[in-house]
Amino acid sequence: METKFCENCGNKVAIDAVICPKCGRQLEELKTEENKSNASQVIINNSNIVDGGYKKKQCDKWITLLLCIFLGIFGGHKFYEGKIGLGILYIFTFGLFGIGILVDFIVILFRPNLYYV
């Protein structure tokens, strides 16, 4: 597969890509019949992540990991992610009896630095 680099973030993208999947910026104009008449084309890219009509919260992996280590027994990392119900469950079960904290620690380690919840 042929690739090129995004001029904005340097990410490797497919040669025929119009929008960079990493930064969301437009790479080139779309090739359509209307473009042949030198009409300028604008692409509006809304970078908010929306799922089911709700904007997803962006969380930092390292903050979540520290909260899991120091406040995991009280569900601190779950409250940070906006998962209030699980946070309350962690409070009453002491981090799902420690097993939940261990599983969450491993899962958080393998997440990307910025992730959406």
N, C-alpha and C. Protein backbone atom coordinates (compact mmCIF):
# COMPACT_ATOMS: atom_id res chain seq x y z
N MET A 1 0.84 -1.17 0.00
CA MET A 1 0.00 0.00 0.00
C MET A 1 0.89 1.24 0.00
N GLU A 2 0.61 2.14 -0.92
CA GLU A 2 1.39 3.37 -0.99
C GLU A 2 0.93 4.33 0.10
N THR A 3 1.89 5.04 0.68
CA THR A 3 1.57 5.98 1.76
C THR A 3 2.23 7.32 1.50
N LYS A 4 1.74 8.32 2.23
CA LYS A 4 2.34 9.65 2.23
C LYS A 4 2.28 10.14 3.67
N PHE A 5 2.84 11.31 3.93
CA PHE A 5 2.86 11.85 5.28
C PHE A 5 1.96 13.08 5.37
N CYS A 6 1.29 13.21 6.50
CA CYS A 6 0.45 14.38 6.77
C CYS A 6 1.37 15.58 6.97
N GLU A 7 1.03 16.70 6.32
CA GLU A 7 1.84 17.91 6.45
C GLU A 7 1.71 18.55 7.83
N ASN A 8 0.63 18.24 8.55
CA ASN A 8 0.37 18.89 9.83
C ASN A 8 0.96 18.14 11.02
N CYS A 9 0.79 16.79 11.04
CA CYS A 9 1.27 16.04 12.21
C CYS A 9 2.36 15.03 11.88
N GLY A 10 2.62 14.78 10.59
CA GLY A 10 3.66 13.84 10.20
C GLY A 10 3.25 12.39 10.23
N ASN A 11 1.96 12.12 10.47
CA ASN A 11 1.46 10.75 10.53
C ASN A 11 1.47 10.13 9.13
N LYS A 12 1.76 8.84 9.04
CA LYS A 12 1.75 8.12 7.77
C LYS A 12 0.31 7.80 7.41
N VAL A 13 -0.16 8.21 6.21
CA VAL A 13 -1.53 7.97 5.77
C VAL A 13 -1.53 7.35 4.38
N ALA A 14 -2.66 6.80 3.97
CA ALA A 14 -2.79 6.21 2.64
C ALA A 14 -2.62 7.31 1.58
N ILE A 15 -2.12 6.94 0.42
CA ILE A 15 -1.82 7.90 -0.63
C ILE A 15 -3.07 8.63 -1.12
N ASP A 16 -4.24 7.98 -1.06
CA ASP A 16 -5.47 8.60 -1.54
C ASP A 16 -6.29 9.25 -0.41
N ALA A 17 -5.74 9.36 0.80
CA ALA A 17 -6.46 9.95 1.92
C ALA A 17 -6.65 11.44 1.71
N VAL A 18 -7.81 11.94 2.10
CA VAL A 18 -8.12 13.36 1.98
C VAL A 18 -8.02 14.03 3.35
N ILE A 19 -8.33 13.27 4.43
CA ILE A 19 -8.28 13.78 5.79
C ILE A 19 -7.38 12.86 6.61
N CYS A 20 -6.49 13.43 7.42
CA CYS A 20 -5.60 12.65 8.27
C CYS A 20 -6.40 12.01 9.40
N PRO A 21 -6.31 10.68 9.58
CA PRO A 21 -7.06 10.04 10.65
C PRO A 21 -6.54 10.38 12.05
N LYS A 22 -5.30 10.84 12.16
CA LYS A 22 -4.74 11.15 13.49
C LYS A 22 -5.12 12.55 13.94
N CYS A 23 -4.85 13.57 13.10
CA CYS A 23 -5.11 14.94 13.52
C CYS A 23 -6.42 15.49 12.97
N GLY A 24 -7.01 14.82 11.96
CA GLY A 24 -8.30 15.25 11.43
C GLY A 24 -8.24 16.43 10.49
N ARG A 25 -7.05 16.85 10.08
CA ARG A 25 -6.92 18.00 9.19
C ARG A 25 -7.00 17.56 7.74
N GLN A 26 -7.45 18.47 6.90
CA GLN A 26 -7.60 18.18 5.48
C GLN A 26 -6.23 18.14 4.81
N LEU A 27 -5.98 17.09 4.03
CA LEU A 27 -4.70 16.92 3.36
C LEU A 27 -4.70 17.53 1.97
N GLU A 28 -5.80 17.39 1.26
CA GLU A 28 -5.89 17.91 -0.10
C GLU A 28 -7.35 18.08 -0.46
N GLU A 29 -7.61 18.77 -1.58
CA GLU A 29 -8.98 18.96 -2.02
C GLU A 29 -9.51 17.66 -2.58
N LEU A 30 -10.82 17.46 -2.44
CA LEU A 30 -11.44 16.28 -3.01
C LEU A 30 -11.43 16.39 -4.53
N LYS A 31 -11.25 15.27 -5.19
CA LYS A 31 -11.21 15.26 -6.65
C LYS A 31 -12.59 14.93 -7.18
N THR A 32 -13.35 15.96 -7.53
CA THR A 32 -14.68 15.77 -8.09
C THR A 32 -14.81 16.60 -9.36
N GLU A 33 -15.93 16.43 -10.04
CA GLU A 33 -16.17 17.19 -11.26
C GLU A 33 -16.26 18.68 -10.97
N GLU A 34 -16.79 19.07 -9.79
CA GLU A 34 -16.93 20.47 -9.44
C GLU A 34 -15.57 21.14 -9.27
N ASN A 35 -14.57 20.38 -8.81
CA ASN A 35 -13.24 20.96 -8.58
C ASN A 35 -12.54 21.32 -9.88
N LYS A 36 -12.94 20.70 -10.97
CA LYS A 36 -12.28 20.98 -12.23
C LYS A 36 -12.54 22.40 -12.70
N SER A 37 -13.58 23.04 -12.18
CA SER A 37 -13.89 24.41 -12.57
C SER A 37 -13.19 25.42 -11.65
N ASN A 38 -12.18 24.97 -10.88
CA ASN A 38 -11.40 25.80 -9.95
C ASN A 38 -12.23 26.41 -8.84
N ALA A 39 -13.36 25.82 -8.50
CA ALA A 39 -14.16 26.29 -7.37
C ALA A 39 -13.50 25.79 -6.10
N SER A 40 -13.34 26.67 -5.11
CA SER A 40 -12.71 26.24 -3.87
C SER A 40 -13.69 25.40 -3.06
N GLN A 41 -13.16 24.43 -2.35
CA GLN A 41 -13.98 23.51 -1.59
C GLN A 41 -13.53 23.54 -0.14
N VAL A 42 -14.48 23.56 0.78
CA VAL A 42 -14.18 23.60 2.20
C VAL A 42 -14.76 22.35 2.85
N ILE A 43 -13.95 21.69 3.65
CA ILE A 43 -14.41 20.54 4.43
C ILE A 43 -14.44 20.96 5.88
N ILE A 44 -15.58 20.79 6.50
CA ILE A 44 -15.71 21.11 7.92
C ILE A 44 -15.56 19.82 8.69
N ASN A 45 -14.58 19.78 9.59
CA ASN A 45 -14.31 18.59 10.36
C ASN A 45 -14.55 18.91 11.83
N ASN A 46 -15.56 18.30 12.41
CA ASN A 46 -15.82 18.48 13.82
C ASN A 46 -15.05 17.41 14.57
N SER A 47 -14.08 17.81 15.39
CA SER A 47 -13.20 16.85 16.04
C SER A 47 -13.77 16.28 17.34
N ASN A 48 -14.97 16.70 17.73
CA ASN A 48 -15.57 16.13 18.93
C ASN A 48 -15.99 14.69 18.66
N ILE A 49 -15.67 13.79 19.56
CA ILE A 49 -16.05 12.40 19.43
C ILE A 49 -17.44 12.26 20.04
N VAL A 50 -18.40 11.82 19.22
CA VAL A 50 -19.78 11.71 19.68
C VAL A 50 -20.23 10.27 19.47
N ASP A 51 -20.83 9.70 20.48
CA ASP A 51 -21.35 8.34 20.39
C ASP A 51 -22.77 8.33 20.95
N GLY A 52 -23.74 8.06 20.12
CA GLY A 52 -25.12 8.01 20.57
C GLY A 52 -25.65 9.36 21.00
N GLY A 53 -25.12 10.44 20.45
CA GLY A 53 -25.59 11.77 20.80
C GLY A 53 -24.88 12.38 21.99
N TYR A 54 -23.99 11.66 22.63
CA TYR A 54 -23.28 12.18 23.79
C TYR A 54 -21.81 12.38 23.45
N LYS A 55 -21.28 13.53 23.86
CA LYS A 55 -19.86 13.79 23.64
C LYS A 55 -19.06 12.92 24.60
N LYS A 56 -18.06 12.23 24.07
CA LYS A 56 -17.24 11.36 24.90
C LYS A 56 -16.16 12.18 25.62
N LYS A 57 -15.82 11.75 26.81
CA LYS A 57 -14.82 12.45 27.63
C LYS A 57 -13.43 11.94 27.28
N GLN A 58 -12.49 12.86 27.12
CA GLN A 58 -11.10 12.52 26.84
C GLN A 58 -10.36 12.38 28.17
N CYS A 59 -9.69 11.24 28.36
CA CYS A 59 -8.96 10.99 29.60
C CYS A 59 -7.49 10.72 29.29
N ASP A 60 -6.64 11.05 30.26
CA ASP A 60 -5.21 10.82 30.13
C ASP A 60 -4.84 9.52 30.83
N LYS A 61 -4.09 8.68 30.14
CA LYS A 61 -3.70 7.37 30.66
C LYS A 61 -2.94 7.47 31.97
N TRP A 62 -2.00 8.40 32.06
CA TRP A 62 -1.13 8.47 33.23
C TRP A 62 -1.85 8.98 34.46
N ILE A 63 -2.78 9.90 34.28
CA ILE A 63 -3.58 10.36 35.41
C ILE A 63 -4.45 9.22 35.92
N THR A 64 -5.06 8.50 34.98
CA THR A 64 -5.90 7.36 35.35
C THR A 64 -5.09 6.30 36.09
N LEU A 65 -3.87 6.05 35.61
CA LEU A 65 -3.02 5.04 36.24
C LEU A 65 -2.64 5.44 37.67
N LEU A 66 -2.28 6.70 37.86
CA LEU A 66 -1.94 7.17 39.21
C LEU A 66 -3.14 7.09 40.15
N LEU A 67 -4.31 7.47 39.65
CA LEU A 67 -5.52 7.37 40.47
C LEU A 67 -5.83 5.92 40.81
N CYS A 68 -5.58 5.01 39.87
CA CYS A 68 -5.81 3.59 40.12
C CYS A 68 -4.86 3.08 41.21
N ILE A 69 -3.61 3.51 41.18
CA ILE A 69 -2.62 3.06 42.16
C ILE A 69 -2.94 3.59 43.55
N PHE A 70 -3.20 4.91 43.65
CA PHE A 70 -3.34 5.52 44.97
C PHE A 70 -4.78 5.54 45.50
N LEU A 71 -5.76 5.65 44.60
CA LEU A 71 -7.15 5.73 45.05
C LEU A 71 -8.02 4.62 44.45
N GLY A 72 -7.39 3.56 43.95
CA GLY A 72 -8.13 2.48 43.31
C GLY A 72 -9.12 1.80 44.23
N ILE A 73 -8.77 1.67 45.49
CA ILE A 73 -9.66 1.01 46.45
C ILE A 73 -10.95 1.81 46.65
N PHE A 74 -10.88 3.12 46.39
CA PHE A 74 -12.06 3.99 46.50
C PHE A 74 -12.66 4.32 45.13
N GLY A 75 -12.13 3.73 44.06
CA GLY A 75 -12.66 3.96 42.72
C GLY A 75 -12.33 5.31 42.14
N GLY A 76 -11.23 5.91 42.58
CA GLY A 76 -10.85 7.24 42.09
C GLY A 76 -10.70 7.31 40.59
N HIS A 77 -10.13 6.28 39.99
CA HIS A 77 -9.94 6.27 38.55
C HIS A 77 -11.27 6.12 37.82
N LYS A 78 -12.23 5.45 38.41
CA LYS A 78 -13.56 5.30 37.80
C LYS A 78 -14.32 6.62 37.82
N PHE A 79 -14.20 7.36 38.93
CA PHE A 79 -14.84 8.67 39.00
C PHE A 79 -14.21 9.63 37.98
N TYR A 80 -12.89 9.56 37.80
CA TYR A 80 -12.18 10.40 36.82
C TYR A 80 -12.69 10.12 35.41
N GLU A 81 -12.96 8.86 35.09
CA GLU A 81 -13.46 8.49 33.76
C GLU A 81 -14.93 8.81 33.59
N GLY A 82 -15.60 9.23 34.65
CA GLY A 82 -17.01 9.56 34.57
C GLY A 82 -17.92 8.37 34.80
N LYS A 83 -17.39 7.28 35.28
CA LYS A 83 -18.16 6.06 35.55
C LYS A 83 -18.54 6.06 37.04
N ILE A 84 -19.53 6.88 37.37
CA ILE A 84 -19.91 7.11 38.76
C ILE A 84 -20.43 5.82 39.42
N GLY A 85 -21.24 5.07 38.71
CA GLY A 85 -21.79 3.83 39.26
C GLY A 85 -20.70 2.83 39.64
N LEU A 86 -19.73 2.65 38.77
CA LEU A 86 -18.62 1.75 39.09
C LEU A 86 -17.77 2.31 40.23
N GLY A 87 -17.62 3.64 40.28
CA GLY A 87 -16.88 4.25 41.37
C GLY A 87 -17.51 3.96 42.72
N ILE A 88 -18.83 4.05 42.78
CA ILE A 88 -19.55 3.76 44.02
C ILE A 88 -19.42 2.27 44.37
N LEU A 89 -19.50 1.41 43.35
CA LEU A 89 -19.32 -0.03 43.58
C LEU A 89 -17.92 -0.32 44.14
N TYR A 90 -16.90 0.36 43.61
CA TYR A 90 -15.53 0.17 44.10
C TYR A 90 -15.41 0.63 45.56
N ILE A 91 -16.12 1.69 45.94
CA ILE A 91 -16.07 2.16 47.33
C ILE A 91 -16.62 1.08 48.27
N PHE A 92 -17.78 0.52 47.94
CA PHE A 92 -18.43 -0.44 48.83
C PHE A 92 -17.78 -1.82 48.81
N THR A 93 -17.03 -2.16 47.76
CA THR A 93 -16.42 -3.49 47.68
C THR A 93 -14.89 -3.41 47.78
N PHE A 94 -14.37 -2.23 48.16
CA PHE A 94 -12.93 -2.03 48.28
C PHE A 94 -12.19 -2.44 46.99
N GLY A 95 -12.62 -1.83 45.89
CA GLY A 95 -11.97 -2.08 44.60
C GLY A 95 -12.24 -3.47 44.08
N LEU A 96 -13.50 -3.93 44.24
CA LEU A 96 -13.89 -5.29 43.86
C LEU A 96 -12.94 -6.30 44.50
N PHE A 97 -12.71 -6.08 45.79
CA PHE A 97 -11.88 -6.95 46.62
C PHE A 97 -10.44 -7.02 46.13
N GLY A 98 -9.97 -5.96 45.52
CA GLY A 98 -8.59 -5.87 45.04
C GLY A 98 -8.38 -6.44 43.65
N ILE A 99 -9.26 -7.34 43.24
CA ILE A 99 -9.12 -7.95 41.91
C ILE A 99 -9.43 -6.93 40.82
N GLY A 100 -10.44 -6.12 41.05
CA GLY A 100 -10.81 -5.09 40.07
C GLY A 100 -9.70 -4.08 39.86
N ILE A 101 -9.01 -3.72 40.92
CA ILE A 101 -7.91 -2.76 40.81
C ILE A 101 -6.77 -3.35 39.99
N LEU A 102 -6.45 -4.61 40.23
CA LEU A 102 -5.38 -5.28 39.49
C LEU A 102 -5.72 -5.37 38.00
N VAL A 103 -6.94 -5.77 37.68
CA VAL A 103 -7.37 -5.87 36.28
C VAL A 103 -7.35 -4.48 35.62
N ASP A 104 -7.89 -3.48 36.32
CA ASP A 104 -7.90 -2.12 35.78
C ASP A 104 -6.48 -1.61 35.53
N PHE A 105 -5.56 -1.88 36.45
CA PHE A 105 -4.17 -1.46 36.30
C PHE A 105 -3.58 -2.00 35.00
N ILE A 106 -3.79 -3.28 34.73
CA ILE A 106 -3.25 -3.90 33.52
C ILE A 106 -3.92 -3.32 32.27
N VAL A 107 -5.23 -3.14 32.32
CA VAL A 107 -5.96 -2.59 31.17
C VAL A 107 -5.50 -1.16 30.88
N ILE A 108 -5.33 -0.36 31.91
CA ILE A 108 -4.91 1.04 31.74
C ILE A 108 -3.51 1.11 31.14
N LEU A 109 -2.62 0.20 31.52
CA LEU A 109 -1.26 0.19 30.97
C LEU A 109 -1.24 0.04 29.45
N PHE A 110 -2.20 -0.69 28.89
CA PHE A 110 -2.20 -0.95 27.46
C PHE A 110 -3.07 0.03 26.67
N ARG A 111 -3.61 1.04 27.32
CA ARG A 111 -4.40 2.05 26.61
C ARG A 111 -3.48 3.07 25.97
N PRO A 112 -3.97 3.78 24.92
CA PRO A 112 -3.18 4.89 24.36
C PRO A 112 -3.14 6.03 25.38
N ASN A 113 -2.20 6.96 25.19
CA ASN A 113 -2.02 8.04 26.16
C ASN A 113 -3.29 8.86 26.34
N LEU A 114 -3.95 9.24 25.27
CA LEU A 114 -5.24 9.93 25.37
C LEU A 114 -6.29 8.96 24.82
N TYR A 115 -7.33 8.73 25.61
CA TYR A 115 -8.40 7.84 25.17
C TYR A 115 -9.73 8.46 25.53
N TYR A 116 -10.79 7.94 24.89
CA TYR A 116 -12.13 8.48 25.11
C TYR A 116 -12.98 7.47 25.83
N VAL A 117 -13.76 7.98 26.80
CA VAL A 117 -14.64 7.14 27.59
C VAL A 117 -16.07 7.58 27.35
